[in-house]
Each structure stands twice: as C-alpha cells, then as structure tokens.
Amino acid sequence: MSDRQLVLETVQKMPAKASLGEILDELALLASVNRGLAEAERGQGVPQEQVVKRFRTWISKSSGRRKQ
C-alpha cells in the first residue's frame, strides 16, 4: 500500500469531528511506526535486552528526581 493510500485510510477511519491536531498526531504516530518497522526489517533495531537496560536506567533516574 502506498503512503498516500495509508494516509487516506487512516484519516477516513478517524471520527468526523477529529481536529486537525488529532489528525496530525495520528499521522505522526503512523509515520513513526512505519519508520521503526522499516529499521527493524533492515536489522537496525535495538535488541530487547538493551531496551530493558535503558528503560531501567531511565526509570531509576526519574524516580530519584521525584524524591528531591
């Protein structure tokens, strides 16, 4: 499916009263997901173990800031 067709179908599935901001947010999410899938297909993804390690580091840093 072409990018254009994907955009049209995505927008058509949204509620008729969706704001321009909501539409743009949905399209930005769609673009991010598609970029991530393309990177994964090229073998450029981050291994799950590394993601878990980064996430734990991020959480511990973020928890420390809230305690101050």
N, C-alpha and C. Protein backbone atom coordinates (compact mmCIF):
# COMPACT_ATOMS: atom_id res chain seq x y z
N MET A 1 0.85 -1.17 0.00
CA MET A 1 0.00 0.00 0.00
C MET A 1 0.90 1.24 0.00
N SER A 2 0.55 2.20 -0.79
CA SER A 2 1.35 3.43 -0.87
C SER A 2 1.14 4.28 0.38
N ASP A 3 2.09 5.17 0.64
CA ASP A 3 1.96 6.07 1.79
C ASP A 3 0.69 6.91 1.67
N ARG A 4 0.42 7.37 0.47
CA ARG A 4 -0.77 8.20 0.25
C ARG A 4 -2.04 7.44 0.61
N GLN A 5 -2.13 6.21 0.16
CA GLN A 5 -3.31 5.39 0.45
C GLN A 5 -3.43 5.12 1.95
N LEU A 6 -2.30 4.88 2.60
CA LEU A 6 -2.30 4.64 4.03
C LEU A 6 -2.80 5.87 4.79
N VAL A 7 -2.37 7.05 4.38
CA VAL A 7 -2.82 8.30 5.00
C VAL A 7 -4.33 8.47 4.80
N LEU A 8 -4.78 8.26 3.59
CA LEU A 8 -6.22 8.43 3.30
C LEU A 8 -7.06 7.47 4.15
N GLU A 9 -6.65 6.22 4.22
CA GLU A 9 -7.40 5.24 5.00
C GLU A 9 -7.38 5.57 6.49
N THR A 10 -6.23 6.03 6.97
CA THR A 10 -6.11 6.38 8.39
C THR A 10 -7.04 7.53 8.73
N VAL A 11 -7.04 8.56 7.91
CA VAL A 11 -7.89 9.73 8.17
C VAL A 11 -9.36 9.36 8.04
N GLN A 12 -9.71 8.53 7.08
CA GLN A 12 -11.11 8.13 6.91
C GLN A 12 -11.63 7.33 8.10
N LYS A 13 -10.76 6.62 8.80
CA LYS A 13 -11.17 5.82 9.96
C LYS A 13 -11.36 6.67 11.21
N MET A 14 -10.87 7.88 11.18
CA MET A 14 -10.98 8.76 12.35
C MET A 14 -12.38 9.35 12.44
N PRO A 15 -12.79 9.77 13.64
CA PRO A 15 -14.11 10.39 13.79
C PRO A 15 -14.24 11.64 12.93
N ALA A 16 -15.44 11.90 12.46
CA ALA A 16 -15.69 13.07 11.60
C ALA A 16 -15.32 14.38 12.28
N LYS A 17 -15.41 14.41 13.60
CA LYS A 17 -15.12 15.65 14.34
C LYS A 17 -13.66 15.74 14.79
N ALA A 18 -12.80 14.88 14.28
CA ALA A 18 -11.38 14.92 14.67
C ALA A 18 -10.79 16.27 14.28
N SER A 19 -10.04 16.85 15.19
CA SER A 19 -9.41 18.14 14.91
C SER A 19 -8.17 17.93 14.04
N LEU A 20 -7.71 19.02 13.47
CA LEU A 20 -6.50 18.96 12.65
C LEU A 20 -5.32 18.46 13.49
N GLY A 21 -5.25 18.90 14.74
CA GLY A 21 -4.18 18.45 15.63
C GLY A 21 -4.24 16.95 15.87
N GLU A 22 -5.44 16.43 16.09
CA GLU A 22 -5.60 14.98 16.29
C GLU A 22 -5.20 14.20 15.05
N ILE A 23 -5.56 14.73 13.90
CA ILE A 23 -5.20 14.07 12.64
C ILE A 23 -3.69 14.07 12.47
N LEU A 24 -3.06 15.21 12.73
CA LEU A 24 -1.61 15.29 12.60
C LEU A 24 -0.91 14.37 13.59
N ASP A 25 -1.42 14.29 14.82
CA ASP A 25 -0.84 13.39 15.81
C ASP A 25 -0.94 11.94 15.33
N GLU A 26 -2.07 11.57 14.79
CA GLU A 26 -2.27 10.20 14.30
C GLU A 26 -1.31 9.89 13.15
N LEU A 27 -1.15 10.85 12.25
CA LEU A 27 -0.24 10.65 11.11
C LEU A 27 1.22 10.60 11.56
N ALA A 28 1.56 11.41 12.58
CA ALA A 28 2.93 11.36 13.11
C ALA A 28 3.20 10.01 13.75
N LEU A 29 2.23 9.48 14.47
CA LEU A 29 2.38 8.15 15.07
C LEU A 29 2.53 7.10 13.99
N LEU A 30 1.72 7.18 12.97
CA LEU A 30 1.79 6.25 11.84
C LEU A 30 3.17 6.29 11.18
N ALA A 31 3.68 7.48 10.97
CA ALA A 31 5.00 7.63 10.35
C ALA A 31 6.09 7.03 11.24
N SER A 32 5.99 7.26 12.55
CA SER A 32 6.98 6.70 13.48
C SER A 32 6.96 5.19 13.49
N VAL A 33 5.77 4.62 13.50
CA VAL A 33 5.65 3.16 13.50
C VAL A 33 6.23 2.60 12.20
N ASN A 34 5.90 3.21 11.09
CA ASN A 34 6.42 2.73 9.80
C ASN A 34 7.94 2.85 9.72
N ARG A 35 8.49 3.94 10.27
CA ARG A 35 9.95 4.09 10.30
C ARG A 35 10.58 2.99 11.14
N GLY A 36 9.99 2.72 12.30
CA GLY A 36 10.50 1.68 13.17
C GLY A 36 10.44 0.31 12.53
N LEU A 37 9.35 0.01 11.85
CA LEU A 37 9.24 -1.28 11.17
C LEU A 37 10.28 -1.41 10.06
N ALA A 38 10.50 -0.33 9.31
CA ALA A 38 11.50 -0.36 8.23
C ALA A 38 12.90 -0.57 8.81
N GLU A 39 13.20 0.10 9.92
CA GLU A 39 14.50 -0.09 10.57
C GLU A 39 14.67 -1.52 11.04
N ALA A 40 13.63 -2.08 11.61
CA ALA A 40 13.69 -3.47 12.09
C ALA A 40 13.93 -4.44 10.93
N GLU A 41 13.27 -4.18 9.81
CA GLU A 41 13.46 -5.03 8.63
C GLU A 41 14.90 -4.96 8.11
N ARG A 42 15.55 -3.80 8.31
CA ARG A 42 16.94 -3.65 7.87
C ARG A 42 17.93 -4.12 8.94
N GLY A 43 17.40 -4.63 10.05
CA GLY A 43 18.27 -5.10 11.13
C GLY A 43 18.86 -3.99 11.96
N GLN A 44 18.25 -2.82 11.94
CA GLN A 44 18.78 -1.66 12.66
C GLN A 44 18.10 -1.43 14.01
N GLY A 45 17.30 -2.38 14.44
CA GLY A 45 16.60 -2.22 15.70
C GLY A 45 17.54 -2.36 16.90
N VAL A 46 17.04 -2.00 18.06
CA VAL A 46 17.79 -2.13 19.30
C VAL A 46 17.35 -3.44 19.95
N PRO A 47 18.30 -4.28 20.33
CA PRO A 47 17.94 -5.55 20.97
C PRO A 47 17.11 -5.32 22.24
N GLN A 48 16.19 -6.21 22.52
CA GLN A 48 15.29 -6.07 23.66
C GLN A 48 16.06 -5.91 24.97
N GLU A 49 17.13 -6.65 25.14
CA GLU A 49 17.91 -6.56 26.37
C GLU A 49 18.44 -5.15 26.59
N GLN A 50 18.87 -4.52 25.51
CA GLN A 50 19.39 -3.15 25.61
C GLN A 50 18.27 -2.17 25.92
N VAL A 51 17.10 -2.39 25.35
CA VAL A 51 15.96 -1.52 25.63
C VAL A 51 15.58 -1.62 27.11
N VAL A 52 15.53 -2.85 27.63
CA VAL A 52 15.19 -3.06 29.04
C VAL A 52 16.21 -2.35 29.93
N LYS A 53 17.49 -2.48 29.61
CA LYS A 53 18.54 -1.83 30.40
C LYS A 53 18.38 -0.31 30.37
N ARG A 54 18.14 0.25 29.18
CA ARG A 54 17.95 1.70 29.07
C ARG A 54 16.72 2.15 29.85
N PHE A 55 15.65 1.37 29.75
CA PHE A 55 14.41 1.72 30.42
C PHE A 55 14.61 1.72 31.93
N ARG A 56 15.29 0.70 32.45
CA ARG A 56 15.54 0.63 33.89
C ARG A 56 16.39 1.82 34.35
N THR A 57 17.39 2.18 33.56
CA THR A 57 18.23 3.33 33.90
C THR A 57 17.40 4.60 33.91
N TRP A 58 16.54 4.75 32.91
CA TRP A 58 15.69 5.93 32.81
C TRP A 58 14.74 6.01 34.00
N ILE A 59 14.13 4.88 34.35
CA ILE A 59 13.20 4.85 35.48
C ILE A 59 13.91 5.20 36.79
N SER A 60 15.10 4.63 37.00
CA SER A 60 15.81 4.89 38.25
C SER A 60 16.21 6.37 38.34
N LYS A 61 16.62 6.97 37.25
CA LYS A 61 16.97 8.39 37.25
C LYS A 61 15.73 9.24 37.51
N SER A 62 14.64 8.88 36.86
CA SER A 62 13.40 9.63 37.00
C SER A 62 12.84 9.50 38.41
N SER A 63 12.97 8.33 39.03
CA SER A 63 12.49 8.13 40.41
C SER A 63 13.31 8.95 41.38
N GLY A 64 14.60 9.06 41.15
CA GLY A 64 15.48 9.83 42.01
C GLY A 64 15.14 11.31 42.00
N ARG A 65 14.74 11.83 40.86
CA ARG A 65 14.38 13.24 40.76
C ARG A 65 13.12 13.56 41.53
N ARG A 66 12.17 12.64 41.57
CA ARG A 66 10.90 12.90 42.26
C ARG A 66 11.08 12.95 43.76
N LYS A 67 12.09 12.26 44.29
CA LYS A 67 12.29 12.19 45.74
C LYS A 67 12.87 13.48 46.32
N GLN A 68 13.46 14.31 45.48
CA GLN A 68 14.12 15.53 45.97
C GLN A 68 13.15 16.56 46.44
